[in-house]
Amino acid sequence: GYVFQKKKEEFRFEKTWTCTNAGCFEGMLVHRYVVSKIGYPLKQLFFIGDDTYFGYLVSKVTNVIYIRDICFVKKIKSSTNLNPIKVYLVYRNIVGYLARVISKDKRRYYVFTFSLVSYNFLKYMIRLEFDMLYFMLRGFLDGLREKWGYEKILMSRHKKM
């Protein structure tokens, strides 16, 4: 019930591949038979977490394998900086929905969520980043309630700030 991220240490004993339970759309190959079993990725999670959840569902039907020596060169630089919309999507898709849905140990999920929300709440309060705080809490609550489609409203609110 947890998503496992693979690191170099996972390729022990000169092994060139390892199994996991998640995927990334950048480089993931999925046979159409698997898609016929699990369906298409959830469009509601588009942009953040959709590939992770899809890979998790794939792992319920077949093995998901990471290959050590495959190199994927990304032409578009992605920013690690969080803006209010990204914060909203992270909390809605990953914290509010994805982690809750795939977690087998609900107590661990609640402890993780409480810790993460508390830490970021304090961080944004100390920095006086009230727009980030708003988007974090709104995203988390929308994820818990499985409310989708608020991106346009939030983007217009962000532009006014």
N, C-alpha and C. Protein backbone atom coordinates (compact mmCIF):
# COMPACT_ATOMS: atom_id res chain seq x y z
N GLY A 1 0.79 -1.21 0.00
CA GLY A 1 0.00 0.00 0.00
C GLY A 1 0.82 1.27 0.00
N TYR A 2 2.13 1.17 -0.20
CA TYR A 2 2.98 2.35 -0.25
C TYR A 2 3.72 2.38 -1.57
N VAL A 3 3.99 3.58 -2.03
CA VAL A 3 4.75 3.75 -3.27
C VAL A 3 6.23 3.73 -2.90
N PHE A 4 6.97 2.89 -3.59
CA PHE A 4 8.39 2.77 -3.32
C PHE A 4 9.19 3.48 -4.39
N GLN A 5 10.09 4.33 -3.96
CA GLN A 5 11.00 5.00 -4.89
C GLN A 5 12.29 4.19 -4.92
N LYS A 6 12.86 4.00 -6.09
CA LYS A 6 14.07 3.21 -6.23
C LYS A 6 15.29 4.10 -6.28
N LYS A 7 16.34 3.67 -5.62
CA LYS A 7 17.61 4.38 -5.61
C LYS A 7 18.67 3.45 -6.17
N LYS A 8 19.84 3.97 -6.40
CA LYS A 8 20.94 3.17 -6.95
C LYS A 8 21.22 1.94 -6.08
N GLU A 9 21.05 2.07 -4.75
CA GLU A 9 21.35 0.94 -3.86
C GLU A 9 20.44 -0.26 -4.12
N GLU A 10 19.28 -0.01 -4.75
CA GLU A 10 18.34 -1.09 -5.00
C GLU A 10 18.85 -2.08 -6.05
N PHE A 11 19.82 -1.65 -6.84
CA PHE A 11 20.36 -2.52 -7.88
C PHE A 11 21.57 -3.26 -7.32
N ARG A 12 21.31 -4.13 -6.37
CA ARG A 12 22.39 -4.84 -5.69
C ARG A 12 22.94 -5.97 -6.56
N PHE A 13 24.14 -6.34 -6.23
CA PHE A 13 24.80 -7.50 -6.84
C PHE A 13 24.84 -7.41 -8.36
N GLU A 14 25.10 -6.21 -8.85
CA GLU A 14 25.23 -5.97 -10.29
C GLU A 14 23.94 -6.26 -11.06
N LYS A 15 22.83 -6.30 -10.38
CA LYS A 15 21.53 -6.51 -11.02
C LYS A 15 21.22 -5.31 -11.91
N THR A 16 20.71 -5.54 -13.09
CA THR A 16 20.45 -4.44 -14.03
C THR A 16 19.00 -3.97 -14.00
N TRP A 17 18.17 -4.60 -13.18
CA TRP A 17 16.77 -4.20 -13.06
C TRP A 17 16.27 -4.51 -11.66
N THR A 18 15.17 -3.88 -11.29
CA THR A 18 14.53 -4.14 -9.99
C THR A 18 13.04 -3.86 -10.12
N CYS A 19 12.25 -4.53 -9.31
CA CYS A 19 10.79 -4.32 -9.32
C CYS A 19 10.41 -3.19 -8.39
N THR A 20 9.33 -2.53 -8.73
CA THR A 20 8.78 -1.46 -7.92
C THR A 20 7.27 -1.52 -8.01
N ASN A 21 6.59 -0.58 -7.40
CA ASN A 21 5.13 -0.57 -7.49
C ASN A 21 4.60 0.79 -7.95
N ALA A 22 5.43 1.53 -8.67
CA ALA A 22 4.98 2.83 -9.19
C ALA A 22 5.67 3.07 -10.52
N GLY A 23 5.26 4.11 -11.20
CA GLY A 23 5.86 4.41 -12.48
C GLY A 23 5.92 5.89 -12.72
N CYS A 24 6.54 6.25 -13.81
CA CYS A 24 6.64 7.63 -14.23
C CYS A 24 6.35 7.66 -15.73
N PHE A 25 5.48 8.56 -16.17
CA PHE A 25 5.11 8.58 -17.58
C PHE A 25 6.29 8.88 -18.49
N GLU A 26 7.31 9.50 -17.98
CA GLU A 26 8.48 9.79 -18.79
C GLU A 26 9.33 8.52 -18.88
N GLY A 27 9.02 7.70 -19.86
CA GLY A 27 9.78 6.48 -20.07
C GLY A 27 9.04 5.20 -19.73
N MET A 28 7.83 5.28 -19.17
CA MET A 28 7.10 4.08 -18.81
C MET A 28 6.42 3.48 -20.05
N LEU A 29 6.63 2.21 -20.25
CA LEU A 29 5.98 1.48 -21.33
C LEU A 29 4.97 0.52 -20.72
N VAL A 30 3.73 0.59 -21.20
CA VAL A 30 2.66 -0.23 -20.66
C VAL A 30 1.95 -0.92 -21.81
N HIS A 31 1.82 -2.23 -21.71
CA HIS A 31 1.14 -3.00 -22.75
C HIS A 31 -0.37 -2.69 -22.72
N ARG A 32 -0.99 -2.69 -23.88
CA ARG A 32 -2.41 -2.35 -23.94
C ARG A 32 -3.28 -3.34 -23.17
N TYR A 33 -2.82 -4.59 -23.00
CA TYR A 33 -3.56 -5.56 -22.19
C TYR A 33 -3.72 -5.04 -20.75
N VAL A 34 -2.64 -4.47 -20.22
CA VAL A 34 -2.67 -3.93 -18.86
C VAL A 34 -3.65 -2.76 -18.78
N VAL A 35 -3.62 -1.89 -19.78
CA VAL A 35 -4.55 -0.76 -19.81
C VAL A 35 -5.99 -1.26 -19.89
N SER A 36 -6.22 -2.34 -20.62
CA SER A 36 -7.58 -2.89 -20.70
C SER A 36 -8.05 -3.41 -19.34
N LYS A 37 -7.11 -3.81 -18.48
CA LYS A 37 -7.45 -4.32 -17.15
C LYS A 37 -7.68 -3.20 -16.14
N ILE A 38 -6.88 -2.14 -16.19
CA ILE A 38 -6.95 -1.10 -15.16
C ILE A 38 -7.57 0.21 -15.64
N GLY A 39 -7.67 0.39 -16.95
CA GLY A 39 -8.21 1.63 -17.48
C GLY A 39 -7.12 2.67 -17.71
N TYR A 40 -7.55 3.83 -18.15
CA TYR A 40 -6.63 4.93 -18.42
C TYR A 40 -6.27 5.64 -17.12
N PRO A 41 -5.21 6.43 -17.16
CA PRO A 41 -4.86 7.22 -15.96
C PRO A 41 -6.01 8.14 -15.57
N LEU A 42 -6.10 8.43 -14.28
CA LEU A 42 -7.14 9.33 -13.79
C LEU A 42 -6.86 10.75 -14.25
N LYS A 43 -7.75 11.28 -15.05
CA LYS A 43 -7.54 12.64 -15.56
C LYS A 43 -7.64 13.67 -14.43
N GLN A 44 -8.34 13.32 -13.34
CA GLN A 44 -8.46 14.24 -12.22
C GLN A 44 -7.11 14.53 -11.57
N LEU A 45 -6.18 13.57 -11.66
CA LEU A 45 -4.87 13.74 -11.04
C LEU A 45 -3.86 14.36 -11.99
N PHE A 46 -4.31 14.80 -13.16
CA PHE A 46 -3.39 15.31 -14.17
C PHE A 46 -2.40 16.30 -13.57
N PHE A 47 -1.19 16.16 -13.97
CA PHE A 47 -0.08 17.05 -13.67
C PHE A 47 0.76 16.58 -12.49
N ILE A 48 0.14 16.14 -11.39
CA ILE A 48 0.93 15.69 -10.25
C ILE A 48 0.30 14.44 -9.67
N GLY A 49 1.03 13.33 -9.73
CA GLY A 49 0.58 12.10 -9.10
C GLY A 49 -0.15 11.14 -10.01
N ASP A 50 -0.54 11.58 -11.21
CA ASP A 50 -1.28 10.70 -12.11
C ASP A 50 -0.45 9.50 -12.53
N ASP A 51 0.83 9.72 -12.84
CA ASP A 51 1.68 8.63 -13.27
C ASP A 51 2.01 7.69 -12.11
N THR A 52 2.18 8.24 -10.93
CA THR A 52 2.46 7.41 -9.76
C THR A 52 1.30 6.47 -9.49
N TYR A 53 0.09 7.00 -9.50
CA TYR A 53 -1.08 6.18 -9.23
C TYR A 53 -1.30 5.16 -10.35
N PHE A 54 -1.11 5.57 -11.58
CA PHE A 54 -1.26 4.64 -12.71
C PHE A 54 -0.24 3.50 -12.58
N GLY A 55 1.01 3.84 -12.27
CA GLY A 55 2.03 2.81 -12.08
C GLY A 55 1.69 1.88 -10.93
N TYR A 56 1.11 2.44 -9.88
CA TYR A 56 0.68 1.62 -8.75
C TYR A 56 -0.40 0.62 -9.19
N LEU A 57 -1.36 1.10 -9.98
CA LEU A 57 -2.40 0.19 -10.49
C LEU A 57 -1.80 -0.87 -11.41
N VAL A 58 -0.84 -0.48 -12.24
CA VAL A 58 -0.15 -1.45 -13.11
C VAL A 58 0.48 -2.54 -12.26
N SER A 59 1.08 -2.16 -11.13
CA SER A 59 1.76 -3.15 -10.27
C SER A 59 0.79 -4.15 -9.66
N LYS A 60 -0.51 -3.85 -9.67
CA LYS A 60 -1.51 -4.79 -9.18
C LYS A 60 -1.83 -5.87 -10.22
N VAL A 61 -1.45 -5.60 -11.50
CA VAL A 61 -1.75 -6.53 -12.59
C VAL A 61 -0.49 -7.27 -13.05
N THR A 62 0.65 -6.59 -13.01
CA THR A 62 1.90 -7.18 -13.52
C THR A 62 3.08 -6.54 -12.80
N ASN A 63 4.27 -7.01 -13.08
CA ASN A 63 5.46 -6.42 -12.48
C ASN A 63 5.78 -5.09 -13.14
N VAL A 64 6.17 -4.13 -12.32
CA VAL A 64 6.68 -2.85 -12.81
C VAL A 64 8.18 -2.91 -12.57
N ILE A 65 8.93 -2.74 -13.63
CA ILE A 65 10.37 -2.93 -13.54
C ILE A 65 11.10 -1.63 -13.89
N TYR A 66 12.05 -1.26 -13.04
CA TYR A 66 12.97 -0.16 -13.33
C TYR A 66 14.24 -0.77 -13.88
N ILE A 67 14.74 -0.22 -14.95
CA ILE A 67 15.97 -0.72 -15.56
C ILE A 67 17.08 0.28 -15.25
N ARG A 68 18.18 -0.24 -14.70
CA ARG A 68 19.26 0.60 -14.19
C ARG A 68 19.92 1.48 -15.24
N ASP A 69 20.26 0.92 -16.38
CA ASP A 69 21.12 1.64 -17.32
C ASP A 69 20.39 2.38 -18.42
N ILE A 70 19.08 2.46 -18.36
CA ILE A 70 18.34 3.23 -19.35
C ILE A 70 18.50 4.70 -18.99
N CYS A 71 18.80 5.50 -19.98
CA CYS A 71 18.99 6.92 -19.73
C CYS A 71 17.95 7.69 -20.53
N PHE A 72 17.23 8.54 -19.84
CA PHE A 72 16.22 9.37 -20.47
C PHE A 72 16.64 10.81 -20.31
N VAL A 73 16.83 11.50 -21.40
CA VAL A 73 17.24 12.90 -21.35
C VAL A 73 16.00 13.77 -21.56
N LYS A 74 15.68 14.53 -20.55
CA LYS A 74 14.51 15.39 -20.60
C LYS A 74 14.90 16.73 -21.23
N LYS A 75 14.23 17.11 -22.30
CA LYS A 75 14.56 18.33 -23.02
C LYS A 75 13.97 19.58 -22.34
N ILE A 76 12.90 19.39 -21.60
CA ILE A 76 12.25 20.52 -20.93
C ILE A 76 12.66 20.50 -19.47
N LYS A 77 13.20 21.60 -19.02
CA LYS A 77 13.61 21.70 -17.61
C LYS A 77 12.36 21.87 -16.76
N SER A 78 12.28 21.07 -15.70
CA SER A 78 11.15 21.24 -14.79
C SER A 78 11.64 21.99 -13.56
N SER A 79 10.79 22.83 -13.07
CA SER A 79 11.14 23.64 -11.91
C SER A 79 10.77 22.90 -10.64
N THR A 80 11.66 22.91 -9.69
CA THR A 80 11.35 22.32 -8.38
C THR A 80 10.73 23.35 -7.46
N ASN A 81 10.71 24.60 -7.91
CA ASN A 81 10.09 25.65 -7.10
C ASN A 81 8.59 25.43 -7.04
N LEU A 82 8.04 25.57 -5.85
CA LEU A 82 6.61 25.40 -5.69
C LEU A 82 5.93 26.76 -5.78
N ASN A 83 4.96 26.83 -6.67
CA ASN A 83 4.10 28.01 -6.71
C ASN A 83 2.77 27.60 -6.09
N PRO A 84 1.88 28.52 -5.82
CA PRO A 84 0.63 28.16 -5.15
C PRO A 84 -0.18 27.09 -5.87
N ILE A 85 -0.21 27.10 -7.18
CA ILE A 85 -0.99 26.08 -7.91
C ILE A 85 -0.36 24.70 -7.72
N LYS A 86 0.97 24.62 -7.79
CA LYS A 86 1.65 23.33 -7.57
C LYS A 86 1.41 22.84 -6.14
N VAL A 87 1.47 23.75 -5.18
CA VAL A 87 1.21 23.38 -3.79
C VAL A 87 -0.20 22.81 -3.67
N TYR A 88 -1.16 23.48 -4.29
CA TYR A 88 -2.54 22.99 -4.27
C TYR A 88 -2.62 21.58 -4.84
N LEU A 89 -2.01 21.37 -6.01
CA LEU A 89 -2.10 20.05 -6.66
C LEU A 89 -1.37 18.97 -5.88
N VAL A 90 -0.23 19.28 -5.30
CA VAL A 90 0.49 18.30 -4.48
C VAL A 90 -0.38 17.86 -3.30
N TYR A 91 -0.95 18.81 -2.62
CA TYR A 91 -1.77 18.46 -1.45
C TYR A 91 -3.09 17.82 -1.83
N ARG A 92 -3.68 18.24 -2.93
CA ARG A 92 -4.94 17.62 -3.34
C ARG A 92 -4.70 16.21 -3.85
N ASN A 93 -3.77 16.07 -4.80
CA ASN A 93 -3.59 14.79 -5.49
C ASN A 93 -2.82 13.77 -4.67
N ILE A 94 -1.72 14.17 -4.08
CA ILE A 94 -0.85 13.20 -3.41
C ILE A 94 -1.23 13.02 -1.95
N VAL A 95 -1.33 14.10 -1.21
CA VAL A 95 -1.58 13.99 0.23
C VAL A 95 -3.05 13.69 0.51
N GLY A 96 -3.93 14.45 -0.12
CA GLY A 96 -5.35 14.28 0.16
C GLY A 96 -5.97 13.05 -0.46
N TYR A 97 -5.51 12.67 -1.65
CA TYR A 97 -6.16 11.56 -2.35
C TYR A 97 -5.28 10.32 -2.48
N LEU A 98 -4.19 10.44 -3.21
CA LEU A 98 -3.39 9.29 -3.57
C LEU A 98 -2.87 8.52 -2.36
N ALA A 99 -2.21 9.19 -1.43
CA ALA A 99 -1.65 8.50 -0.26
C ALA A 99 -2.75 7.86 0.57
N ARG A 100 -3.89 8.53 0.69
CA ARG A 100 -5.00 7.99 1.47
C ARG A 100 -5.59 6.74 0.82
N VAL A 101 -5.71 6.77 -0.50
CA VAL A 101 -6.33 5.66 -1.22
C VAL A 101 -5.45 4.41 -1.21
N ILE A 102 -4.13 4.57 -1.38
CA ILE A 102 -3.28 3.38 -1.50
C ILE A 102 -2.71 2.93 -0.16
N SER A 103 -2.88 3.72 0.89
CA SER A 103 -2.31 3.36 2.18
C SER A 103 -3.09 2.23 2.83
N LYS A 104 -2.39 1.17 3.18
CA LYS A 104 -3.02 0.05 3.89
C LYS A 104 -3.06 0.33 5.38
N ASP A 105 -2.08 1.06 5.88
CA ASP A 105 -2.01 1.40 7.29
C ASP A 105 -2.50 2.83 7.47
N LYS A 106 -3.76 2.97 7.77
CA LYS A 106 -4.38 4.31 7.86
C LYS A 106 -3.77 5.14 8.98
N ARG A 107 -3.37 4.51 10.08
CA ARG A 107 -2.76 5.28 11.17
C ARG A 107 -1.47 5.94 10.70
N ARG A 108 -0.67 5.19 9.94
CA ARG A 108 0.59 5.74 9.44
C ARG A 108 0.30 6.90 8.48
N TYR A 109 -0.73 6.75 7.66
CA TYR A 109 -1.11 7.84 6.75
C TYR A 109 -1.48 9.09 7.54
N TYR A 110 -2.29 8.93 8.58
CA TYR A 110 -2.73 10.09 9.35
C TYR A 110 -1.56 10.76 10.08
N VAL A 111 -0.63 9.97 10.62
CA VAL A 111 0.55 10.54 11.27
C VAL A 111 1.40 11.29 10.24
N PHE A 112 1.63 10.67 9.08
CA PHE A 112 2.40 11.31 8.01
C PHE A 112 1.73 12.62 7.59
N THR A 113 0.44 12.58 7.36
CA THR A 113 -0.29 13.75 6.89
C THR A 113 -0.29 14.86 7.93
N PHE A 114 -0.56 14.51 9.17
CA PHE A 114 -0.55 15.50 10.23
C PHE A 114 0.82 16.17 10.35
N SER A 115 1.88 15.37 10.28
CA SER A 115 3.25 15.91 10.37
C SER A 115 3.54 16.84 9.21
N LEU A 116 3.21 16.40 7.99
CA LEU A 116 3.50 17.20 6.80
C LEU A 116 2.71 18.51 6.80
N VAL A 117 1.42 18.42 7.08
CA VAL A 117 0.58 19.61 7.09
C VAL A 117 1.03 20.57 8.19
N SER A 118 1.33 20.04 9.37
CA SER A 118 1.77 20.89 10.49
C SER A 118 3.08 21.60 10.16
N TYR A 119 4.03 20.85 9.63
CA TYR A 119 5.33 21.42 9.28
C TYR A 119 5.17 22.55 8.27
N ASN A 120 4.44 22.28 7.19
CA ASN A 120 4.28 23.31 6.15
C ASN A 120 3.39 24.46 6.61
N PHE A 121 2.42 24.17 7.45
CA PHE A 121 1.59 25.24 8.01
C PHE A 121 2.48 26.23 8.77
N LEU A 122 3.33 25.69 9.64
CA LEU A 122 4.24 26.55 10.41
C LEU A 122 5.23 27.28 9.50
N LYS A 123 5.76 26.57 8.52
CA LYS A 123 6.72 27.18 7.60
C LYS A 123 6.09 28.37 6.87
N TYR A 124 4.89 28.19 6.34
CA TYR A 124 4.23 29.27 5.60
C TYR A 124 3.80 30.40 6.54
N MET A 125 3.42 30.07 7.77
CA MET A 125 3.05 31.11 8.73
C MET A 125 4.26 31.96 9.10
N ILE A 126 5.38 31.31 9.39
CA ILE A 126 6.60 32.03 9.76
C ILE A 126 7.06 32.94 8.63
N ARG A 127 6.96 32.45 7.40
CA ARG A 127 7.39 33.24 6.23
C ARG A 127 6.31 34.22 5.77
N LEU A 128 5.17 34.18 6.42
CA LEU A 128 4.03 35.02 6.05
C LEU A 128 3.57 34.78 4.61
N GLU A 129 3.65 33.54 4.19
CA GLU A 129 3.21 33.16 2.84
C GLU A 129 1.78 32.64 2.93
N PHE A 130 0.86 33.57 3.10
CA PHE A 130 -0.52 33.19 3.33
C PHE A 130 -1.19 32.60 2.09
N ASP A 131 -0.75 33.01 0.90
CA ASP A 131 -1.32 32.42 -0.32
C ASP A 131 -0.92 30.95 -0.41
N MET A 132 0.34 30.61 -0.05
CA MET A 132 0.78 29.21 -0.07
C MET A 132 0.00 28.41 0.97
N LEU A 133 -0.21 28.99 2.12
CA LEU A 133 -0.97 28.34 3.18
C LEU A 133 -2.40 28.06 2.73
N TYR A 134 -3.02 29.03 2.10
CA TYR A 134 -4.38 28.87 1.59
C TYR A 134 -4.45 27.72 0.58
N PHE A 135 -3.53 27.73 -0.38
CA PHE A 135 -3.56 26.71 -1.43
C PHE A 135 -3.24 25.32 -0.88
N MET A 136 -2.35 25.24 0.11
CA MET A 136 -2.03 23.96 0.74
C MET A 136 -3.27 23.39 1.43
N LEU A 137 -3.90 24.19 2.27
CA LEU A 137 -5.06 23.70 3.01
C LEU A 137 -6.24 23.42 2.08
N ARG A 138 -6.45 24.28 1.10
CA ARG A 138 -7.54 24.06 0.14
C ARG A 138 -7.31 22.78 -0.66
N GLY A 139 -6.07 22.55 -1.10
CA GLY A 139 -5.76 21.34 -1.84
C GLY A 139 -5.96 20.10 -1.01
N PHE A 140 -5.49 20.13 0.23
CA PHE A 140 -5.64 18.99 1.12
C PHE A 140 -7.11 18.65 1.35
N LEU A 141 -7.91 19.66 1.65
CA LEU A 141 -9.34 19.44 1.88
C LEU A 141 -10.04 18.96 0.61
N ASP A 142 -9.71 19.53 -0.53
CA ASP A 142 -10.32 19.08 -1.79
C ASP A 142 -9.94 17.64 -2.09
N GLY A 143 -8.70 17.25 -1.78
CA GLY A 143 -8.28 15.86 -1.98
C GLY A 143 -9.04 14.91 -1.09
N LEU A 144 -9.23 15.28 0.16
CA LEU A 144 -10.00 14.43 1.08
C LEU A 144 -11.44 14.27 0.62
N ARG A 145 -12.00 15.35 0.08
CA ARG A 145 -13.40 15.34 -0.38
C ARG A 145 -13.53 14.89 -1.83
N GLU A 146 -12.36 14.62 -2.47
CA GLU A 146 -12.32 14.22 -3.87
C GLU A 146 -13.06 15.24 -4.74
N LYS A 147 -12.76 16.49 -4.50
CA LYS A 147 -13.32 17.58 -5.32
C LYS A 147 -12.31 17.93 -6.39
N TRP A 148 -12.73 17.82 -7.62
CA TRP A 148 -11.85 18.08 -8.76
C TRP A 148 -12.36 19.28 -9.52
N GLY A 149 -11.50 19.89 -10.31
CA GLY A 149 -11.92 20.93 -11.22
C GLY A 149 -11.86 22.34 -10.68
N TYR A 150 -11.14 22.55 -9.60
CA TYR A 150 -11.06 23.89 -9.03
C TYR A 150 -9.84 24.66 -9.52
N GLU A 151 -9.07 24.09 -10.41
CA GLU A 151 -7.82 24.72 -10.85
C GLU A 151 -8.06 26.11 -11.44
N LYS A 152 -9.08 26.25 -12.27
CA LYS A 152 -9.34 27.55 -12.91
C LYS A 152 -9.71 28.61 -11.89
N ILE A 153 -10.54 28.24 -10.92
CA ILE A 153 -10.93 29.17 -9.87
C ILE A 153 -9.70 29.59 -9.08
N LEU A 154 -8.87 28.60 -8.72
CA LEU A 154 -7.69 28.90 -7.92
C LEU A 154 -6.68 29.72 -8.69
N MET A 155 -6.53 29.44 -9.97
CA MET A 155 -5.60 30.22 -10.78
C MET A 155 -6.05 31.68 -10.84
N SER A 156 -7.35 31.91 -10.98
CA SER A 156 -7.83 33.29 -11.01
C SER A 156 -7.62 33.96 -9.65
N ARG A 157 -7.78 33.22 -8.57
CA ARG A 157 -7.53 33.76 -7.22
C ARG A 157 -6.04 34.09 -7.08
N HIS A 158 -5.18 33.20 -7.58
CA HIS A 158 -3.73 33.42 -7.47
C HIS A 158 -3.31 34.67 -8.24
N LYS A 159 -3.92 34.91 -9.40
CA LYS A 159 -3.55 36.07 -10.21
C LYS A 159 -3.94 37.38 -9.49
N LYS A 160 -5.01 37.32 -8.68
CA LYS A 160 -5.46 38.51 -7.94
C LYS A 160 -4.54 38.82 -6.77
N MET A 161 -3.83 37.81 -6.26
CA MET A 161 -2.97 38.00 -5.07
C MET A 161 -1.74 38.78 -5.40
